[in-house]
Amino acid sequence: MSDDRVDFASMLASRLCHDLLSPVGAFANGLELLADEKDPDMRARCFELLEQSARTSAAKLKFFRLAFGSAGGFGEAVPPAEARSAIEGIMADRPITLHWMISDEPLPKPAVKIILNLALILVDALVRGGRLDIGCEKQADGIEIALHAEAERILVDKDVERILAEGESAGAMSSRTAPAVLVQAVAEQNGGTVMLARETPTSLLVGAVLRGRG
């Protein structure tokens, strides 16, 4: 295995651990508090926190399974509703309005993987909330994917922007850039291209075109 593939696997694992550490840690802390707490009201509050942490952990795991894993529970195509549910799960605690513009026709796994990873990048960028539009359309010669974010503030790591706009080697490898690297890799494997356009300081468009999957 090449050094680049080892580095990428390491960065992806770091991203998984980073995103799961908070809800899983909160769950463990809640159990410790519950073991020592005798007050009924406080115990009820502990149970609420445990339920919230469990829901958050489950939502992230569902998302990562589709975005990073093989999604083995599906065939060659994934129902778009599964992708939408996964995205809604990771933005549940953010004031983000999602506009979903994808039909119910199943999509190839590569397209779903790109949609999810681009969505993860934009959800991270909408630190104070905003609007996220997600569209995907099958063409005669492939699939076109477009995600558009609007907000008062959109913060995207500069290396992430460079990787999406210019390719895998344009930015430093890190746990933050791993989703962008994966998007480029999946697009390349499927004869596609990735694009990024920062239209205004409050608007960002990212997308991809996959060939031969229409």
N, C-alpha and C. Protein backbone atom coordinates (compact mmCIF):
# COMPACT_ATOMS: atom_id res chain seq x y z
N MET A 1 0.84 -1.19 0.00
CA MET A 1 0.00 0.00 0.00
C MET A 1 0.88 1.25 0.00
N SER A 2 0.56 2.23 -0.85
CA SER A 2 1.38 3.42 -0.95
C SER A 2 1.23 4.29 0.28
N ASP A 3 2.23 5.18 0.48
CA ASP A 3 2.19 6.08 1.62
C ASP A 3 0.96 6.97 1.57
N ASP A 4 0.56 7.42 0.37
CA ASP A 4 -0.61 8.29 0.24
C ASP A 4 -1.87 7.58 0.72
N ARG A 5 -2.01 6.30 0.37
CA ARG A 5 -3.19 5.56 0.79
C ARG A 5 -3.19 5.33 2.29
N VAL A 6 -2.04 5.09 2.87
CA VAL A 6 -1.94 4.94 4.32
C VAL A 6 -2.29 6.25 5.01
N ASP A 7 -1.75 7.35 4.50
CA ASP A 7 -2.03 8.66 5.08
C ASP A 7 -3.52 8.97 5.00
N PHE A 8 -4.13 8.66 3.85
CA PHE A 8 -5.54 8.95 3.69
C PHE A 8 -6.39 8.12 4.66
N ALA A 9 -6.07 6.84 4.78
CA ALA A 9 -6.80 5.99 5.73
C ALA A 9 -6.67 6.53 7.15
N SER A 10 -5.47 6.99 7.49
CA SER A 10 -5.23 7.54 8.83
C SER A 10 -6.05 8.80 9.06
N MET A 11 -6.07 9.68 8.05
CA MET A 11 -6.81 10.94 8.18
C MET A 11 -8.32 10.69 8.27
N LEU A 12 -8.79 9.71 7.50
CA LEU A 12 -10.22 9.39 7.54
C LEU A 12 -10.59 8.82 8.91
N ALA A 13 -9.73 7.96 9.45
CA ALA A 13 -9.98 7.41 10.79
C ALA A 13 -9.95 8.52 11.83
N SER A 14 -9.05 9.48 11.67
CA SER A 14 -8.98 10.61 12.60
C SER A 14 -10.27 11.42 12.55
N ARG A 15 -10.80 11.61 11.35
CA ARG A 15 -12.04 12.36 11.21
C ARG A 15 -13.20 11.64 11.91
N LEU A 16 -13.28 10.34 11.71
CA LEU A 16 -14.33 9.56 12.36
C LEU A 16 -14.24 9.69 13.88
N CYS A 17 -13.02 9.51 14.41
CA CYS A 17 -12.83 9.57 15.86
C CYS A 17 -13.15 10.96 16.40
N HIS A 18 -12.73 11.99 15.68
CA HIS A 18 -12.97 13.36 16.11
C HIS A 18 -14.47 13.65 16.21
N ASP A 19 -15.22 13.25 15.19
CA ASP A 19 -16.64 13.57 15.16
C ASP A 19 -17.46 12.73 16.13
N LEU A 20 -16.97 11.54 16.45
CA LEU A 20 -17.71 10.67 17.36
C LEU A 20 -17.31 10.85 18.82
N LEU A 21 -16.16 11.47 19.05
CA LEU A 21 -15.66 11.60 20.41
C LEU A 21 -16.62 12.38 21.30
N SER A 22 -17.17 13.47 20.79
CA SER A 22 -18.02 14.33 21.61
C SER A 22 -19.30 13.61 22.07
N PRO A 23 -20.12 13.06 21.15
CA PRO A 23 -21.35 12.40 21.62
C PRO A 23 -21.10 11.15 22.45
N VAL A 24 -20.08 10.36 22.07
CA VAL A 24 -19.78 9.15 22.84
C VAL A 24 -19.23 9.52 24.22
N GLY A 25 -18.38 10.56 24.27
CA GLY A 25 -17.87 11.03 25.56
C GLY A 25 -18.97 11.55 26.45
N ALA A 26 -19.93 12.27 25.85
CA ALA A 26 -21.06 12.78 26.62
C ALA A 26 -21.91 11.64 27.18
N PHE A 27 -22.04 10.58 26.40
CA PHE A 27 -22.79 9.41 26.86
C PHE A 27 -22.11 8.78 28.06
N ALA A 28 -20.79 8.63 27.98
CA ALA A 28 -20.04 8.05 29.10
C ALA A 28 -20.14 8.93 30.35
N ASN A 29 -20.03 10.24 30.17
CA ASN A 29 -20.15 11.16 31.30
C ASN A 29 -21.54 11.10 31.92
N GLY A 30 -22.55 10.97 31.06
CA GLY A 30 -23.92 10.89 31.56
C GLY A 30 -24.14 9.65 32.41
N LEU A 31 -23.54 8.53 32.01
CA LEU A 31 -23.67 7.31 32.79
C LEU A 31 -22.99 7.46 34.16
N GLU A 32 -21.85 8.13 34.18
CA GLU A 32 -21.15 8.35 35.45
C GLU A 32 -21.99 9.22 36.38
N LEU A 33 -22.58 10.27 35.83
CA LEU A 33 -23.43 11.15 36.65
C LEU A 33 -24.65 10.40 37.16
N LEU A 34 -25.22 9.58 36.31
CA LEU A 34 -26.43 8.84 36.69
C LEU A 34 -26.14 7.87 37.82
N ALA A 35 -24.95 7.30 37.83
CA ALA A 35 -24.60 6.33 38.87
C ALA A 35 -24.54 6.97 40.25
N ASP A 36 -24.18 8.28 40.30
CA ASP A 36 -24.01 8.96 41.58
C ASP A 36 -25.19 9.84 41.97
N GLU A 37 -26.05 10.14 41.00
CA GLU A 37 -27.13 11.11 41.24
C GLU A 37 -28.35 10.44 41.88
N LYS A 38 -28.88 11.08 42.93
CA LYS A 38 -30.05 10.55 43.62
C LYS A 38 -31.30 11.41 43.40
N ASP A 39 -31.09 12.68 43.07
CA ASP A 39 -32.23 13.58 42.89
C ASP A 39 -33.03 13.17 41.65
N PRO A 40 -34.37 12.99 41.79
CA PRO A 40 -35.19 12.52 40.66
C PRO A 40 -35.14 13.46 39.46
N ASP A 41 -35.17 14.77 39.70
CA ASP A 41 -35.15 15.73 38.60
C ASP A 41 -33.81 15.66 37.85
N MET A 42 -32.72 15.56 38.59
CA MET A 42 -31.41 15.48 37.95
C MET A 42 -31.23 14.16 37.20
N ARG A 43 -31.80 13.10 37.77
CA ARG A 43 -31.73 11.81 37.07
C ARG A 43 -32.51 11.86 35.76
N ALA A 44 -33.65 12.54 35.79
CA ALA A 44 -34.43 12.69 34.56
C ALA A 44 -33.64 13.48 33.52
N ARG A 45 -32.94 14.51 33.99
CA ARG A 45 -32.10 15.31 33.08
C ARG A 45 -30.96 14.47 32.51
N CYS A 46 -30.38 13.62 33.33
CA CYS A 46 -29.32 12.73 32.86
C CYS A 46 -29.83 11.81 31.76
N PHE A 47 -31.04 11.27 31.95
CA PHE A 47 -31.61 10.40 30.93
C PHE A 47 -31.85 11.15 29.62
N GLU A 48 -32.25 12.42 29.73
CA GLU A 48 -32.44 13.23 28.52
C GLU A 48 -31.12 13.40 27.77
N LEU A 49 -30.05 13.68 28.52
CA LEU A 49 -28.74 13.85 27.90
C LEU A 49 -28.25 12.55 27.28
N LEU A 50 -28.51 11.44 27.96
CA LEU A 50 -28.12 10.14 27.40
C LEU A 50 -28.86 9.85 26.10
N GLU A 51 -30.14 10.15 26.07
CA GLU A 51 -30.93 9.93 24.85
C GLU A 51 -30.42 10.80 23.71
N GLN A 52 -30.10 12.06 24.03
CA GLN A 52 -29.59 12.97 23.01
C GLN A 52 -28.24 12.50 22.47
N SER A 53 -27.36 12.07 23.36
CA SER A 53 -26.04 11.58 22.93
C SER A 53 -26.17 10.32 22.09
N ALA A 54 -27.10 9.44 22.47
CA ALA A 54 -27.31 8.21 21.71
C ALA A 54 -27.83 8.52 20.31
N ARG A 55 -28.77 9.46 20.21
CA ARG A 55 -29.31 9.84 18.90
C ARG A 55 -28.23 10.46 18.03
N THR A 56 -27.42 11.34 18.61
CA THR A 56 -26.36 11.99 17.85
C THR A 56 -25.34 10.97 17.36
N SER A 57 -24.94 10.05 18.24
CA SER A 57 -23.98 9.03 17.85
C SER A 57 -24.53 8.16 16.72
N ALA A 58 -25.78 7.75 16.85
CA ALA A 58 -26.40 6.90 15.83
C ALA A 58 -26.49 7.64 14.49
N ALA A 59 -26.84 8.92 14.53
CA ALA A 59 -26.95 9.71 13.30
C ALA A 59 -25.60 9.84 12.60
N LYS A 60 -24.55 10.09 13.38
CA LYS A 60 -23.21 10.21 12.79
C LYS A 60 -22.74 8.88 12.20
N LEU A 61 -23.00 7.79 12.92
CA LEU A 61 -22.59 6.48 12.41
C LEU A 61 -23.32 6.14 11.11
N LYS A 62 -24.60 6.45 11.05
CA LYS A 62 -25.37 6.21 9.83
C LYS A 62 -24.78 7.02 8.68
N PHE A 63 -24.46 8.29 8.97
CA PHE A 63 -23.90 9.14 7.93
C PHE A 63 -22.55 8.60 7.44
N PHE A 64 -21.65 8.28 8.38
CA PHE A 64 -20.31 7.83 8.01
C PHE A 64 -20.35 6.50 7.26
N ARG A 65 -21.30 5.65 7.61
CA ARG A 65 -21.43 4.36 6.91
C ARG A 65 -21.69 4.58 5.43
N LEU A 66 -22.55 5.56 5.11
CA LEU A 66 -22.85 5.84 3.72
C LEU A 66 -21.77 6.68 3.05
N ALA A 67 -21.24 7.66 3.79
CA ALA A 67 -20.30 8.62 3.21
C ALA A 67 -18.90 8.04 3.03
N PHE A 68 -18.45 7.23 3.99
CA PHE A 68 -17.08 6.71 3.97
C PHE A 68 -17.01 5.22 3.71
N GLY A 69 -18.04 4.48 4.09
CA GLY A 69 -18.00 3.03 3.99
C GLY A 69 -18.53 2.50 2.68
N SER A 70 -18.76 1.18 2.64
CA SER A 70 -19.21 0.54 1.41
C SER A 70 -20.73 0.49 1.30
N ALA A 71 -21.44 0.89 2.37
CA ALA A 71 -22.91 0.85 2.37
C ALA A 71 -23.38 -0.54 1.95
N GLY A 72 -22.84 -1.56 2.63
CA GLY A 72 -23.08 -2.94 2.24
C GLY A 72 -24.52 -3.39 2.31
N GLY A 73 -25.37 -2.65 2.99
CA GLY A 73 -26.76 -3.03 3.08
C GLY A 73 -27.54 -2.76 1.81
N PHE A 74 -26.91 -2.10 0.84
CA PHE A 74 -27.57 -1.77 -0.41
C PHE A 74 -26.86 -2.48 -1.56
N GLY A 75 -27.50 -2.47 -2.71
CA GLY A 75 -26.87 -3.03 -3.91
C GLY A 75 -25.97 -1.98 -4.54
N GLU A 76 -26.02 -1.89 -5.87
CA GLU A 76 -25.20 -0.91 -6.58
C GLU A 76 -25.79 0.48 -6.50
N ALA A 77 -27.05 0.59 -6.09
CA ALA A 77 -27.73 1.88 -6.01
C ALA A 77 -28.32 2.08 -4.62
N VAL A 78 -28.43 3.35 -4.22
CA VAL A 78 -28.92 3.71 -2.89
C VAL A 78 -30.13 4.62 -3.04
N PRO A 79 -31.22 4.39 -2.30
CA PRO A 79 -32.36 5.29 -2.35
C PRO A 79 -31.95 6.69 -1.87
N PRO A 80 -32.25 7.75 -2.61
CA PRO A 80 -31.89 9.09 -2.18
C PRO A 80 -32.43 9.46 -0.80
N ALA A 81 -33.55 8.86 -0.41
CA ALA A 81 -34.11 9.15 0.91
C ALA A 81 -33.13 8.77 2.02
N GLU A 82 -32.33 7.74 1.79
CA GLU A 82 -31.32 7.34 2.78
C GLU A 82 -30.26 8.43 2.92
N ALA A 83 -29.84 8.99 1.80
CA ALA A 83 -28.85 10.06 1.83
C ALA A 83 -29.41 11.30 2.52
N ARG A 84 -30.65 11.63 2.19
CA ARG A 84 -31.28 12.81 2.82
C ARG A 84 -31.39 12.63 4.33
N SER A 85 -31.83 11.46 4.75
CA SER A 85 -31.95 11.19 6.18
C SER A 85 -30.61 11.30 6.89
N ALA A 86 -29.56 10.80 6.24
CA ALA A 86 -28.22 10.86 6.84
C ALA A 86 -27.75 12.30 6.98
N ILE A 87 -28.00 13.12 5.97
CA ILE A 87 -27.60 14.53 6.03
C ILE A 87 -28.39 15.28 7.09
N GLU A 88 -29.69 15.03 7.14
CA GLU A 88 -30.51 15.68 8.17
C GLU A 88 -30.04 15.30 9.56
N GLY A 89 -29.53 14.09 9.71
CA GLY A 89 -29.05 13.64 11.01
C GLY A 89 -27.85 14.42 11.50
N ILE A 90 -26.91 14.78 10.60
CA ILE A 90 -25.70 15.49 11.05
C ILE A 90 -25.92 16.99 11.19
N MET A 91 -27.05 17.50 10.67
CA MET A 91 -27.30 18.93 10.81
C MET A 91 -28.46 19.22 11.78
N ALA A 92 -28.83 18.20 12.55
CA ALA A 92 -29.98 18.34 13.44
C ALA A 92 -29.78 19.43 14.48
N ASP A 93 -28.52 19.66 14.91
CA ASP A 93 -28.26 20.66 15.94
C ASP A 93 -27.81 21.99 15.35
N ARG A 94 -27.97 22.16 14.04
CA ARG A 94 -27.58 23.41 13.38
C ARG A 94 -28.82 24.07 12.77
N PRO A 95 -28.90 25.41 12.81
CA PRO A 95 -30.04 26.10 12.17
C PRO A 95 -29.84 26.21 10.66
N ILE A 96 -29.86 25.05 9.99
CA ILE A 96 -29.66 24.99 8.54
C ILE A 96 -30.96 24.53 7.89
N THR A 97 -31.39 25.26 6.87
CA THR A 97 -32.57 24.89 6.11
C THR A 97 -32.14 24.09 4.89
N LEU A 98 -32.62 22.87 4.78
CA LEU A 98 -32.24 21.99 3.68
C LEU A 98 -33.31 22.02 2.60
N HIS A 99 -32.89 22.28 1.37
CA HIS A 99 -33.77 22.19 0.20
C HIS A 99 -33.29 21.01 -0.65
N TRP A 100 -34.07 19.95 -0.66
CA TRP A 100 -33.69 18.70 -1.32
C TRP A 100 -34.35 18.65 -2.69
N MET A 101 -33.55 18.60 -3.73
CA MET A 101 -34.07 18.64 -5.10
C MET A 101 -33.60 17.41 -5.88
N ILE A 102 -33.84 16.25 -5.30
CA ILE A 102 -33.45 14.98 -5.91
C ILE A 102 -34.66 14.05 -5.94
N SER A 103 -34.92 13.43 -7.05
CA SER A 103 -36.06 12.53 -7.19
C SER A 103 -35.84 11.26 -6.37
N ASP A 104 -36.86 10.41 -6.36
CA ASP A 104 -36.79 9.18 -5.56
C ASP A 104 -36.07 8.04 -6.28
N GLU A 105 -35.66 8.24 -7.52
CA GLU A 105 -34.99 7.17 -8.26
C GLU A 105 -33.63 6.87 -7.63
N PRO A 106 -33.34 5.58 -7.35
CA PRO A 106 -32.06 5.21 -6.72
C PRO A 106 -30.86 5.74 -7.49
N LEU A 107 -29.82 6.11 -6.74
CA LEU A 107 -28.60 6.66 -7.32
C LEU A 107 -27.44 5.69 -7.13
N PRO A 108 -26.49 5.67 -8.07
CA PRO A 108 -25.30 4.83 -7.87
C PRO A 108 -24.55 5.24 -6.61
N LYS A 109 -23.92 4.27 -5.98
CA LYS A 109 -23.18 4.56 -4.74
C LYS A 109 -22.15 5.67 -4.89
N PRO A 110 -21.39 5.74 -6.00
CA PRO A 110 -20.42 6.83 -6.12
C PRO A 110 -21.07 8.22 -6.05
N ALA A 111 -22.23 8.37 -6.67
CA ALA A 111 -22.93 9.66 -6.63
C ALA A 111 -23.37 9.99 -5.21
N VAL A 112 -23.90 9.00 -4.51
CA VAL A 112 -24.33 9.22 -3.12
C VAL A 112 -23.15 9.57 -2.24
N LYS A 113 -22.02 8.91 -2.44
CA LYS A 113 -20.83 9.19 -1.63
C LYS A 113 -20.35 10.63 -1.84
N ILE A 114 -20.40 11.09 -3.09
CA ILE A 114 -19.99 12.47 -3.37
C ILE A 114 -20.97 13.46 -2.75
N ILE A 115 -22.26 13.19 -2.89
CA ILE A 115 -23.27 14.09 -2.30
C ILE A 115 -23.06 14.22 -0.79
N LEU A 116 -22.86 13.10 -0.12
CA LEU A 116 -22.71 13.12 1.33
C LEU A 116 -21.44 13.84 1.77
N ASN A 117 -20.34 13.60 1.09
CA ASN A 117 -19.09 14.23 1.50
C ASN A 117 -19.09 15.73 1.21
N LEU A 118 -19.69 16.14 0.10
CA LEU A 118 -19.82 17.57 -0.16
C LEU A 118 -20.76 18.21 0.85
N ALA A 119 -21.83 17.50 1.21
CA ALA A 119 -22.75 18.02 2.22
C ALA A 119 -22.05 18.18 3.57
N LEU A 120 -21.19 17.21 3.92
CA LEU A 120 -20.45 17.30 5.18
C LEU A 120 -19.56 18.54 5.19
N ILE A 121 -18.89 18.82 4.07
CA ILE A 121 -18.03 19.99 3.98
C ILE A 121 -18.84 21.27 4.16
N LEU A 122 -20.02 21.34 3.53
CA LEU A 122 -20.82 22.56 3.61
C LEU A 122 -21.50 22.70 4.97
N VAL A 123 -21.94 21.60 5.56
CA VAL A 123 -22.51 21.69 6.91
C VAL A 123 -21.46 22.21 7.89
N ASP A 124 -20.23 21.72 7.76
CA ASP A 124 -19.14 22.24 8.60
C ASP A 124 -18.92 23.73 8.36
N ALA A 125 -19.10 24.16 7.11
CA ALA A 125 -18.83 25.56 6.74
C ALA A 125 -19.91 26.52 7.24
N LEU A 126 -21.13 26.01 7.42
CA LEU A 126 -22.24 26.86 7.87
C LEU A 126 -22.24 26.92 9.40
N VAL A 127 -21.23 27.57 9.94
CA VAL A 127 -21.03 27.56 11.39
C VAL A 127 -22.16 28.26 12.15
N ARG A 128 -22.82 29.21 11.50
CA ARG A 128 -23.93 29.92 12.14
C ARG A 128 -25.26 29.63 11.47
N GLY A 129 -25.31 28.53 10.75
CA GLY A 129 -26.54 28.17 10.07
C GLY A 129 -26.62 28.80 8.69
N GLY A 130 -27.71 28.52 8.00
CA GLY A 130 -27.90 29.06 6.67
C GLY A 130 -28.81 28.17 5.86
N ARG A 131 -28.61 28.21 4.56
CA ARG A 131 -29.44 27.43 3.63
C ARG A 131 -28.55 26.52 2.82
N LEU A 132 -29.00 25.28 2.62
CA LEU A 132 -28.26 24.30 1.84
C LEU A 132 -29.19 23.68 0.81
N ASP A 133 -28.88 23.89 -0.47
CA ASP A 133 -29.64 23.30 -1.58
C ASP A 133 -28.85 22.14 -2.15
N ILE A 134 -29.50 21.00 -2.33
CA ILE A 134 -28.83 19.81 -2.87
C ILE A 134 -29.64 19.28 -4.05
N GLY A 135 -28.97 19.19 -5.19
CA GLY A 135 -29.63 18.69 -6.38
C GLY A 135 -28.78 17.66 -7.10
N CYS A 136 -29.43 16.79 -7.84
CA CYS A 136 -28.73 15.76 -8.61
C CYS A 136 -29.64 15.37 -9.77
N GLU A 137 -29.05 15.29 -10.96
CA GLU A 137 -29.86 14.99 -12.14
C GLU A 137 -29.11 14.02 -13.05
N LYS A 138 -29.83 13.00 -13.48
CA LYS A 138 -29.25 12.04 -14.41
C LYS A 138 -29.35 12.58 -15.84
N GLN A 139 -28.24 12.50 -16.57
CA GLN A 139 -28.18 12.90 -17.96
C GLN A 139 -27.94 11.66 -18.82
N ALA A 140 -27.99 11.84 -20.13
CA ALA A 140 -27.78 10.71 -21.03
C ALA A 140 -26.39 10.12 -20.88
N ASP A 141 -25.42 10.98 -20.55
CA ASP A 141 -24.03 10.52 -20.46
C ASP A 141 -23.46 10.54 -19.05
N GLY A 142 -24.32 10.70 -18.04
CA GLY A 142 -23.78 10.71 -16.68
C GLY A 142 -24.72 11.32 -15.67
N ILE A 143 -24.15 11.78 -14.58
CA ILE A 143 -24.90 12.35 -13.47
C ILE A 143 -24.28 13.69 -13.07
N GLU A 144 -25.11 14.70 -12.91
CA GLU A 144 -24.65 16.02 -12.46
C GLU A 144 -25.11 16.24 -11.02
N ILE A 145 -24.18 16.66 -10.18
CA ILE A 145 -24.45 16.89 -8.76
C ILE A 145 -24.11 18.34 -8.43
N ALA A 146 -24.99 19.01 -7.70
CA ALA A 146 -24.72 20.40 -7.32
C ALA A 146 -25.23 20.66 -5.91
N LEU A 147 -24.40 21.30 -5.09
CA LEU A 147 -24.78 21.71 -3.74
C LEU A 147 -24.47 23.20 -3.61
N HIS A 148 -25.44 23.96 -3.11
CA HIS A 148 -25.29 25.40 -3.00
C HIS A 148 -25.59 25.83 -1.57
N ALA A 149 -24.67 26.58 -0.98
CA ALA A 149 -24.83 27.07 0.39
C ALA A 149 -24.93 28.58 0.39
N GLU A 150 -25.83 29.09 1.21
CA GLU A 150 -25.98 30.53 1.41
C GLU A 150 -26.06 30.81 2.90
N ALA A 151 -25.30 31.81 3.35
CA ALA A 151 -25.30 32.17 4.77
C ALA A 151 -24.57 33.50 4.94
N GLU A 152 -24.77 34.12 6.09
CA GLU A 152 -24.03 35.35 6.38
C GLU A 152 -22.54 35.06 6.50
N ARG A 153 -22.21 33.84 6.91
CA ARG A 153 -20.81 33.47 7.05
C ARG A 153 -20.62 32.03 6.63
N ILE A 154 -19.72 31.82 5.67
CA ILE A 154 -19.38 30.48 5.20
C ILE A 154 -17.88 30.29 5.37
N LEU A 155 -17.50 29.39 6.27
CA LEU A 155 -16.09 29.18 6.57
C LEU A 155 -15.64 27.81 6.06
N VAL A 156 -14.87 27.81 5.00
CA VAL A 156 -14.33 26.57 4.44
C VAL A 156 -12.81 26.62 4.57
N ASP A 157 -12.24 25.54 5.07
CA ASP A 157 -10.79 25.43 5.16
C ASP A 157 -10.18 25.69 3.78
N LYS A 158 -9.12 26.50 3.73
CA LYS A 158 -8.51 26.87 2.45
C LYS A 158 -7.99 25.65 1.70
N ASP A 159 -7.44 24.67 2.42
CA ASP A 159 -6.97 23.46 1.76
C ASP A 159 -8.12 22.66 1.16
N VAL A 160 -9.27 22.66 1.86
CA VAL A 160 -10.45 21.98 1.33
C VAL A 160 -10.88 22.64 0.02
N GLU A 161 -10.91 23.98 0.01
CA GLU A 161 -11.29 24.70 -1.20
C GLU A 161 -10.34 24.38 -2.35
N ARG A 162 -9.05 24.38 -2.06
CA ARG A 162 -8.07 24.13 -3.12
C ARG A 162 -8.20 22.71 -3.66
N ILE A 163 -8.42 21.74 -2.78
CA ILE A 163 -8.55 20.35 -3.23
C ILE A 163 -9.78 20.18 -4.11
N LEU A 164 -10.90 20.78 -3.73
CA LEU A 164 -12.11 20.67 -4.53
C LEU A 164 -11.96 21.39 -5.87
N ALA A 165 -11.27 22.52 -5.86
CA ALA A 165 -11.15 23.33 -7.08
C ALA A 165 -10.05 22.84 -8.01
N GLU A 166 -8.95 22.28 -7.42
CA GLU A 166 -7.76 22.00 -8.24
C GLU A 166 -7.32 20.55 -8.23
N GLY A 167 -7.77 19.75 -7.27
CA GLY A 167 -7.36 18.36 -7.24
C GLY A 167 -6.75 17.95 -5.92
N GLU A 168 -6.54 16.63 -5.75
CA GLU A 168 -6.08 16.06 -4.47
C GLU A 168 -4.77 16.66 -3.98
N SER A 169 -3.86 16.94 -4.89
CA SER A 169 -2.52 17.40 -4.50
C SER A 169 -2.45 18.89 -4.22
N ALA A 170 -3.55 19.61 -4.36
CA ALA A 170 -3.53 21.07 -4.22
C ALA A 170 -3.52 21.53 -2.77
N GLY A 171 -3.88 20.65 -1.82
CA GLY A 171 -3.93 21.05 -0.43
C GLY A 171 -3.33 19.99 0.47
N ALA A 172 -3.07 20.36 1.70
CA ALA A 172 -2.44 19.45 2.66
C ALA A 172 -3.43 18.37 3.10
N MET A 173 -2.92 17.16 3.31
CA MET A 173 -3.72 16.05 3.79
C MET A 173 -3.94 16.20 5.29
N SER A 174 -5.21 16.17 5.72
CA SER A 174 -5.54 16.25 7.14
C SER A 174 -6.91 15.63 7.34
N SER A 175 -7.31 15.48 8.60
CA SER A 175 -8.63 14.93 8.88
C SER A 175 -9.73 15.85 8.35
N ARG A 176 -9.45 17.15 8.29
CA ARG A 176 -10.44 18.10 7.78
C ARG A 176 -10.58 18.00 6.27
N THR A 177 -9.48 17.72 5.56
CA THR A 177 -9.55 17.67 4.11
C THR A 177 -9.90 16.29 3.57
N ALA A 178 -9.95 15.27 4.42
CA ALA A 178 -10.22 13.90 3.97
C ALA A 178 -11.50 13.79 3.13
N PRO A 179 -12.63 14.42 3.51
CA PRO A 179 -13.82 14.32 2.66
C PRO A 179 -13.60 14.90 1.27
N ALA A 180 -12.85 16.00 1.16
CA ALA A 180 -12.58 16.59 -0.15
C ALA A 180 -11.72 15.68 -1.00
N VAL A 181 -10.71 15.05 -0.37
CA VAL A 181 -9.86 14.10 -1.09
C VAL A 181 -10.70 12.92 -1.59
N LEU A 182 -11.61 12.45 -0.75
CA LEU A 182 -12.47 11.32 -1.14
C LEU A 182 -13.36 11.69 -2.32
N VAL A 183 -13.90 12.91 -2.31
CA VAL A 183 -14.73 13.37 -3.42
C VAL A 183 -13.94 13.34 -4.72
N GLN A 184 -12.72 13.87 -4.69
CA GLN A 184 -11.90 13.88 -5.90
C GLN A 184 -11.57 12.46 -6.35
N ALA A 185 -11.26 11.57 -5.40
CA ALA A 185 -10.90 10.20 -5.75
C ALA A 185 -12.08 9.45 -6.38
N VAL A 186 -13.27 9.59 -5.80
CA VAL A 186 -14.45 8.91 -6.33
C VAL A 186 -14.81 9.47 -7.71
N ALA A 187 -14.71 10.79 -7.86
CA ALA A 187 -15.00 11.39 -9.17
C ALA A 187 -14.03 10.87 -10.23
N GLU A 188 -12.75 10.81 -9.89
CA GLU A 188 -11.75 10.33 -10.84
C GLU A 188 -12.00 8.88 -11.24
N GLN A 189 -12.36 8.05 -10.26
CA GLN A 189 -12.63 6.64 -10.55
C GLN A 189 -13.81 6.46 -11.49
N ASN A 190 -14.70 7.44 -11.52
CA ASN A 190 -15.91 7.34 -12.34
C ASN A 190 -15.90 8.31 -13.51
N GLY A 191 -14.69 8.64 -13.97
CA GLY A 191 -14.55 9.48 -15.15
C GLY A 191 -15.14 10.86 -15.00
N GLY A 192 -15.15 11.37 -13.78
CA GLY A 192 -15.81 12.64 -13.53
C GLY A 192 -14.88 13.77 -13.15
N THR A 193 -15.48 14.90 -12.89
CA THR A 193 -14.76 16.10 -12.47
C THR A 193 -15.50 16.75 -11.31
N VAL A 194 -14.75 17.54 -10.53
CA VAL A 194 -15.29 18.25 -9.37
C VAL A 194 -15.13 19.74 -9.61
N MET A 195 -16.09 20.53 -9.13
CA MET A 195 -15.99 21.97 -9.29
C MET A 195 -16.36 22.69 -8.01
N LEU A 196 -15.81 23.89 -7.85
CA LEU A 196 -16.14 24.76 -6.73
C LEU A 196 -16.16 26.20 -7.23
N ALA A 197 -17.17 26.94 -6.85
CA ALA A 197 -17.26 28.35 -7.24
C ALA A 197 -17.78 29.16 -6.06
N ARG A 198 -16.95 30.08 -5.57
CA ARG A 198 -17.39 30.99 -4.51
C ARG A 198 -17.96 32.23 -5.19
N GLU A 199 -19.27 32.23 -5.35
CA GLU A 199 -19.94 33.27 -6.11
C GLU A 199 -19.84 34.63 -5.42
N THR A 200 -20.10 34.63 -4.11
CA THR A 200 -19.99 35.84 -3.29
C THR A 200 -19.49 35.39 -1.93
N PRO A 201 -19.13 36.32 -1.02
CA PRO A 201 -18.72 35.91 0.32
C PRO A 201 -19.79 35.13 1.08
N THR A 202 -21.05 35.27 0.64
CA THR A 202 -22.15 34.60 1.35
C THR A 202 -22.75 33.44 0.55
N SER A 203 -22.08 33.05 -0.54
CA SER A 203 -22.63 32.01 -1.40
C SER A 203 -21.51 31.11 -1.92
N LEU A 204 -21.74 29.81 -1.87
CA LEU A 204 -20.73 28.85 -2.32
C LEU A 204 -21.40 27.71 -3.07
N LEU A 205 -20.86 27.39 -4.24
CA LEU A 205 -21.40 26.31 -5.06
C LEU A 205 -20.33 25.24 -5.26
N VAL A 206 -20.68 23.99 -4.96
CA VAL A 206 -19.77 22.86 -5.20
C VAL A 206 -20.56 21.79 -5.95
N GLY A 207 -19.84 20.96 -6.69
CA GLY A 207 -20.55 19.92 -7.42
C GLY A 207 -19.60 18.98 -8.12
N ALA A 208 -20.18 18.07 -8.87
CA ALA A 208 -19.39 17.08 -9.61
C ALA A 208 -20.22 16.56 -10.77
N VAL A 209 -19.51 16.07 -11.78
CA VAL A 209 -20.13 15.40 -12.91
C VAL A 209 -19.50 14.03 -13.05
N LEU A 210 -20.31 12.99 -13.02
CA LEU A 210 -19.82 11.61 -13.21
C LEU A 210 -20.26 11.14 -14.59
N ARG A 211 -19.36 10.58 -15.35
CA ARG A 211 -19.67 10.16 -16.71
C ARG A 211 -19.99 8.67 -16.76
N GLY A 212 -20.88 8.34 -17.70
CA GLY A 212 -21.21 6.95 -17.94
C GLY A 212 -22.07 6.31 -16.90
N ARG A 213 -22.79 7.14 -16.08
CA ARG A 213 -23.64 6.57 -15.04
C ARG A 213 -25.10 6.96 -15.23
N GLY A 214 -25.44 7.50 -16.36
CA GLY A 214 -26.80 7.96 -16.57
C GLY A 214 -27.80 6.84 -16.74
